[in-house]
């Protein structure tokens, strides 16, 4: 009887621990995805800012082919 209870307790403990790890992994993945989305949005905002900044006349028209 004691072995049976110990075995059931061990299985329950393992299942709970496994579920806890799965939840923690899901939380970690959600945080990573949120961070990546924020970085992507910041990158896109930076690109738009660069595109909208005034450029001196002739910028981007002359190419140095020797370089």
N, C-alpha and C. Protein backbone atom coordinates (compact mmCIF):
# COMPACT_ATOMS: atom_id res chain seq x y z
N UNK A 1 0.82 -1.19 0.00
CA UNK A 1 0.00 0.00 0.00
C UNK A 1 0.86 1.25 0.00
N UNK A 2 1.94 1.25 0.78
CA UNK A 2 2.81 2.42 0.86
C UNK A 2 3.50 2.66 -0.49
N UNK A 3 3.93 1.59 -1.14
CA UNK A 3 4.54 1.72 -2.45
C UNK A 3 3.57 2.33 -3.46
N UNK A 4 2.34 1.91 -3.40
CA UNK A 4 1.33 2.41 -4.32
C UNK A 4 1.10 3.91 -4.12
N UNK A 5 1.00 4.33 -2.89
CA UNK A 5 0.78 5.75 -2.59
C UNK A 5 2.01 6.56 -3.01
N UNK A 6 3.18 6.04 -2.71
CA UNK A 6 4.41 6.72 -3.08
C UNK A 6 4.52 6.84 -4.59
N UNK A 7 4.16 5.80 -5.29
CA UNK A 7 4.21 5.81 -6.74
C UNK A 7 3.22 6.81 -7.32
N UNK A 8 2.00 6.82 -6.78
CA UNK A 8 1.00 7.77 -7.25
C UNK A 8 1.42 9.21 -6.94
N UNK A 9 1.99 9.39 -5.78
CA UNK A 9 2.46 10.72 -5.39
C UNK A 9 3.58 11.18 -6.31
N UNK A 10 4.48 10.26 -6.65
CA UNK A 10 5.57 10.60 -7.56
C UNK A 10 5.04 10.96 -8.94
N UNK A 11 4.07 10.20 -9.42
CA UNK A 11 3.49 10.50 -10.73
C UNK A 11 2.78 11.85 -10.72
N UNK A 12 2.05 12.13 -9.65
CA UNK A 12 1.35 13.40 -9.54
C UNK A 12 2.34 14.55 -9.47
N UNK A 13 3.40 14.34 -8.73
CA UNK A 13 4.44 15.37 -8.61
C UNK A 13 5.11 15.61 -9.96
N UNK A 14 5.39 14.53 -10.67
CA UNK A 14 6.01 14.66 -12.00
C UNK A 14 5.08 15.39 -12.96
N UNK A 15 3.80 15.04 -12.95
CA UNK A 15 2.84 15.68 -13.85
C UNK A 15 2.70 17.16 -13.54
N UNK A 16 2.67 17.49 -12.26
CA UNK A 16 2.56 18.90 -11.87
C UNK A 16 3.81 19.66 -12.29
N UNK A 17 4.97 19.09 -12.04
CA UNK A 17 6.22 19.72 -12.43
C UNK A 17 6.32 19.90 -13.93
N UNK A 18 5.87 18.90 -14.66
CA UNK A 18 5.90 18.97 -16.12
C UNK A 18 4.99 20.09 -16.62
N UNK A 19 3.82 20.18 -16.03
CA UNK A 19 2.87 21.23 -16.43
C UNK A 19 3.42 22.61 -16.08
N UNK A 20 4.04 22.73 -14.91
CA UNK A 20 4.65 24.00 -14.50
C UNK A 20 5.74 24.43 -15.47
N UNK A 21 6.56 23.47 -15.89
CA UNK A 21 7.62 23.79 -16.86
C UNK A 21 7.03 24.22 -18.19
N UNK A 22 5.96 23.56 -18.61
CA UNK A 22 5.32 23.92 -19.87
C UNK A 22 4.76 25.34 -19.81
N UNK A 23 4.15 25.68 -18.68
CA UNK A 23 3.60 27.03 -18.52
C UNK A 23 4.73 28.06 -18.52
N UNK A 24 5.81 27.77 -17.82
CA UNK A 24 6.94 28.70 -17.78
C UNK A 24 7.55 28.87 -19.17
N UNK A 25 7.62 27.79 -19.95
CA UNK A 25 8.12 27.89 -21.32
C UNK A 25 7.22 28.76 -22.17
N UNK A 26 5.91 28.62 -22.01
CA UNK A 26 4.97 29.44 -22.77
C UNK A 26 5.12 30.91 -22.40
N UNK A 27 5.29 31.19 -21.11
CA UNK A 27 5.48 32.57 -20.67
C UNK A 27 6.77 33.14 -21.25
N UNK A 28 7.83 32.36 -21.20
CA UNK A 28 9.11 32.81 -21.76
C UNK A 28 9.00 33.10 -23.25
N UNK A 29 8.33 32.22 -23.97
CA UNK A 29 8.16 32.42 -25.41
C UNK A 29 7.32 33.68 -25.69
N UNK A 30 6.30 33.92 -24.91
CA UNK A 30 5.46 35.10 -25.10
C UNK A 30 6.27 36.37 -24.85
N UNK A 31 7.11 36.35 -23.83
CA UNK A 31 7.95 37.52 -23.53
C UNK A 31 8.96 37.74 -24.65
N UNK A 32 9.57 36.66 -25.14
CA UNK A 32 10.52 36.79 -26.25
C UNK A 32 9.84 37.33 -27.50
N UNK A 33 8.64 36.84 -27.80
CA UNK A 33 7.91 37.32 -28.98
C UNK A 33 7.57 38.79 -28.83
N UNK A 34 7.14 39.20 -27.64
CA UNK A 34 6.80 40.60 -27.40
C UNK A 34 8.04 41.48 -27.58
N UNK A 35 9.17 41.03 -27.07
CA UNK A 35 10.42 41.78 -27.21
C UNK A 35 10.81 41.90 -28.68
N UNK A 36 10.70 40.80 -29.42
CA UNK A 36 11.03 40.84 -30.85
C UNK A 36 10.08 41.76 -31.61
N UNK A 37 8.80 41.74 -31.27
CA UNK A 37 7.83 42.63 -31.92
C UNK A 37 8.16 44.09 -31.63
N UNK A 38 8.56 44.39 -30.39
CA UNK A 38 8.93 45.76 -30.04
C UNK A 38 10.18 46.20 -30.79
N UNK A 39 11.16 45.30 -30.91
CA UNK A 39 12.37 45.63 -31.65
C UNK A 39 12.08 45.84 -33.12
N UNK A 40 11.19 45.03 -33.68
CA UNK A 40 10.82 45.18 -35.08
C UNK A 40 10.13 46.53 -35.30
N UNK A 41 9.22 46.90 -34.40
CA UNK A 41 8.51 48.18 -34.52
C UNK A 41 9.50 49.34 -34.40
N UNK A 42 10.45 49.24 -33.47
CA UNK A 42 11.46 50.29 -33.32
C UNK A 42 12.33 50.39 -34.57
N UNK A 43 12.69 49.26 -35.14
CA UNK A 43 13.48 49.26 -36.38
C UNK A 43 12.72 49.89 -37.53
N UNK A 44 11.44 49.57 -37.65
CA UNK A 44 10.63 50.15 -38.72
C UNK A 44 10.48 51.66 -38.52
N UNK A 45 10.31 52.09 -37.27
CA UNK A 45 10.21 53.52 -36.98
C UNK A 45 11.52 54.23 -37.33
N UNK A 46 12.65 53.60 -37.06
CA UNK A 46 13.95 54.18 -37.39
C UNK A 46 14.11 54.30 -38.91
N UNK A 47 13.70 53.27 -39.63
CA UNK A 47 13.78 53.32 -41.10
C UNK A 47 12.93 54.46 -41.65
N UNK A 48 11.72 54.62 -41.12
CA UNK A 48 10.84 55.70 -41.56
C UNK A 48 11.45 57.06 -41.23
N UNK A 49 12.07 57.17 -40.07
CA UNK A 49 12.70 58.42 -39.68
C UNK A 49 13.85 58.76 -40.63
N UNK A 50 14.64 57.75 -40.99
CA UNK A 50 15.75 57.97 -41.92
C UNK A 50 15.22 58.38 -43.29
N UNK A 51 14.16 57.72 -43.75
CA UNK A 51 13.58 58.04 -45.05
C UNK A 51 13.05 59.47 -45.09
N UNK A 52 12.52 59.95 -43.98
CA UNK A 52 11.90 61.28 -43.95
C UNK A 52 12.89 62.39 -43.65
N UNK A 53 14.11 62.06 -43.24
CA UNK A 53 15.08 63.11 -42.92
C UNK A 53 15.55 63.76 -44.22
N UNK A 54 15.70 65.08 -44.19
CA UNK A 54 16.14 65.78 -45.41
C UNK A 54 17.57 65.39 -45.78
N UNK A 55 17.79 65.20 -47.07
CA UNK A 55 19.11 64.82 -47.57
C UNK A 55 19.67 66.02 -48.35
N UNK A 56 20.97 66.26 -48.23
CA UNK A 56 21.57 67.33 -49.03
C UNK A 56 21.39 67.06 -50.52
N UNK A 57 21.32 68.13 -51.29
CA UNK A 57 21.16 67.97 -52.74
C UNK A 57 22.28 67.11 -53.31
N UNK A 58 21.91 66.19 -54.17
CA UNK A 58 22.86 65.33 -54.84
C UNK A 58 23.17 64.05 -54.07
N UNK A 59 22.72 63.94 -52.85
CA UNK A 59 23.00 62.75 -52.06
C UNK A 59 22.34 61.54 -52.72
N UNK A 60 23.09 60.51 -52.88
CA UNK A 60 22.57 59.27 -53.46
C UNK A 60 22.60 59.25 -54.97
N UNK A 61 23.05 60.34 -55.57
CA UNK A 61 23.09 60.39 -57.03
C UNK A 61 24.48 60.08 -57.57
N UNK A 62 25.50 60.31 -56.78
CA UNK A 62 26.87 60.07 -57.23
C UNK A 62 27.36 58.74 -56.66
N UNK A 63 27.91 57.93 -57.52
CA UNK A 63 28.43 56.62 -57.08
C UNK A 63 29.93 56.59 -57.29
N UNK A 64 30.65 56.10 -56.30
CA UNK A 64 32.09 55.93 -56.41
C UNK A 64 32.32 54.48 -56.82
N UNK A 65 32.49 54.26 -58.11
CA UNK A 65 32.64 52.90 -58.62
C UNK A 65 34.02 52.31 -58.31
N UNK A 66 34.99 53.15 -57.97
CA UNK A 66 36.32 52.68 -57.67
C UNK A 66 36.39 52.09 -56.25
N UNK A 67 35.44 52.40 -55.43
CA UNK A 67 35.50 51.95 -54.03
C UNK A 67 35.21 50.48 -53.90
